[in-house]
Protein backbone atom coordinates (compact mmCIF):
# COMPACT_ATOMS: atom_id res chain seq x y z
CA UNK A 1 84.05 -223.13 -45.63
CA UNK A 2 82.09 -224.66 -48.43
CA UNK A 3 78.39 -225.29 -48.14
CA UNK A 4 76.39 -228.13 -49.65
CA UNK A 5 72.66 -228.89 -49.52
CA UNK A 6 71.60 -232.07 -47.82
CA UNK A 7 70.34 -233.41 -51.06
CA UNK A 8 73.89 -232.83 -52.68
CA UNK A 9 75.66 -234.16 -49.68
CA UNK A 10 73.52 -237.31 -49.73
CA UNK A 11 74.24 -238.09 -53.35
CA UNK A 12 77.99 -237.28 -53.21
CA UNK A 13 78.77 -238.35 -49.63
CA UNK A 14 81.67 -240.59 -50.47
CA UNK A 15 83.37 -237.95 -52.63
CA UNK A 16 82.63 -235.24 -49.90
CA UNK A 17 84.27 -237.43 -47.27
CA UNK A 18 87.31 -238.02 -49.50
CA UNK A 19 87.68 -234.33 -50.03
CA UNK A 20 87.38 -233.36 -46.36
CA UNK A 21 89.84 -236.04 -45.35
CA UNK A 22 92.37 -234.95 -48.12
CA UNK A 23 92.10 -231.15 -47.69
CA UNK A 24 90.80 -230.75 -44.07
CA UNK A 25 88.27 -228.30 -45.45
CA UNK A 26 85.18 -228.08 -43.27
CA UNK A 27 81.78 -228.37 -45.26
CA UNK A 28 78.48 -226.95 -43.90
CA UNK A 29 75.59 -229.00 -44.82
CA UNK A 30 72.21 -227.25 -45.02
CA UNK A 31 68.72 -228.38 -44.66
CA UNK A 32 65.96 -226.26 -46.17
CA UNK A 33 68.64 -223.46 -46.74
CA UNK A 34 69.79 -223.35 -42.98
CA UNK A 35 72.99 -224.74 -41.74
CA UNK A 36 72.44 -228.03 -40.08
CA UNK A 37 75.68 -229.83 -39.64
CA UNK A 38 79.49 -229.62 -40.36
CA UNK A 39 81.45 -232.25 -41.86
CA UNK A 40 85.15 -232.23 -40.82
CA UNK A 41 88.13 -234.75 -40.83
CA UNK A 42 88.41 -236.71 -37.59
CA UNK A 43 91.91 -235.42 -37.01
CA UNK A 44 90.46 -231.94 -37.04
CA UNK A 45 87.55 -232.96 -34.81
CA UNK A 46 89.96 -234.51 -32.30
CA UNK A 47 92.20 -231.35 -32.26
CA UNK A 48 89.12 -229.33 -31.52
CA UNK A 49 88.13 -231.67 -28.64
CA UNK A 50 91.57 -231.39 -27.19
CA UNK A 51 91.53 -227.69 -27.41
CA UNK A 52 88.30 -227.44 -25.57
CA UNK A 53 89.49 -229.90 -22.92
CA UNK A 54 92.67 -227.62 -22.43
CA UNK A 55 90.55 -224.52 -22.30
CA UNK A 56 88.23 -226.02 -19.72
CA UNK A 57 91.24 -226.66 -17.49
CA UNK A 58 92.10 -223.41 -15.74
CA UNK A 59 95.55 -224.41 -14.85
CA UNK A 60 96.24 -225.17 -18.50
CA UNK A 61 94.61 -221.89 -19.55
CA UNK A 62 96.99 -220.02 -17.12
CA UNK A 63 100.04 -221.84 -18.54
CA UNK A 64 99.04 -220.79 -22.10
CA UNK A 65 98.39 -217.23 -21.08
CA UNK A 66 101.78 -217.10 -19.29
CA UNK A 67 103.47 -218.73 -22.31
CA UNK A 68 102.00 -216.09 -24.55
CA UNK A 69 103.14 -213.24 -22.32
CA UNK A 70 106.59 -214.88 -22.18
CA UNK A 71 106.76 -215.04 -25.89
CA UNK A 72 105.50 -211.41 -26.38
CA UNK A 73 108.30 -210.32 -23.91
CA UNK A 74 110.99 -212.26 -25.95
CA UNK A 75 111.40 -214.74 -22.93
CA UNK A 76 111.89 -217.99 -24.52
CA UNK A 77 114.49 -220.38 -25.92
CA UNK A 78 114.88 -220.47 -29.72
CA UNK A 79 115.65 -223.68 -31.64
CA UNK A 80 119.44 -223.04 -31.85
CA UNK A 81 119.77 -222.28 -28.12
CA UNK A 82 117.71 -225.42 -27.42
CA UNK A 83 120.04 -227.62 -29.52
CA UNK A 84 123.07 -226.10 -27.78
CA UNK A 85 121.57 -226.77 -24.37
CA UNK A 86 120.70 -230.39 -25.27
CA UNK A 87 124.21 -230.93 -26.59
CA UNK A 88 125.81 -229.52 -23.51
CA UNK A 89 123.56 -231.75 -21.41
CA UNK A 90 124.54 -234.75 -23.44
CA UNK A 91 128.30 -233.85 -23.21
CA UNK A 92 127.96 -233.51 -19.40
CA UNK A 93 126.20 -236.97 -18.97
CA UNK A 94 128.93 -238.83 -20.94
C-alpha cells in the first residue's frame, strides 16, 4: 500500500483517484506524518462491506467454516463433475 501526504493527495487528487480506480491499489493519506485515511476503489469498499456483513452473520460464518473443512477434506464437486451433473439434469428434463 502506497502512502501520500495530505498535501500531495490534495494537489494530485484526480490522478490519485484515477490510479486507485484503475489498479485497485489502496493509498494511505497521512496528516502530520500519521496515517489519517485510506483511499480505495468503490468496488473494493463494497466488497469489504459485504465481507463484514457476512462475518457478522453467525449462520453465514458457520457455512463458510464448514465449506473450508469440506474443501480441506476433498469433499467438493470440481468443475468437470459439475458440468457433467448439469448436462445429466438437462438430459433428464427433456
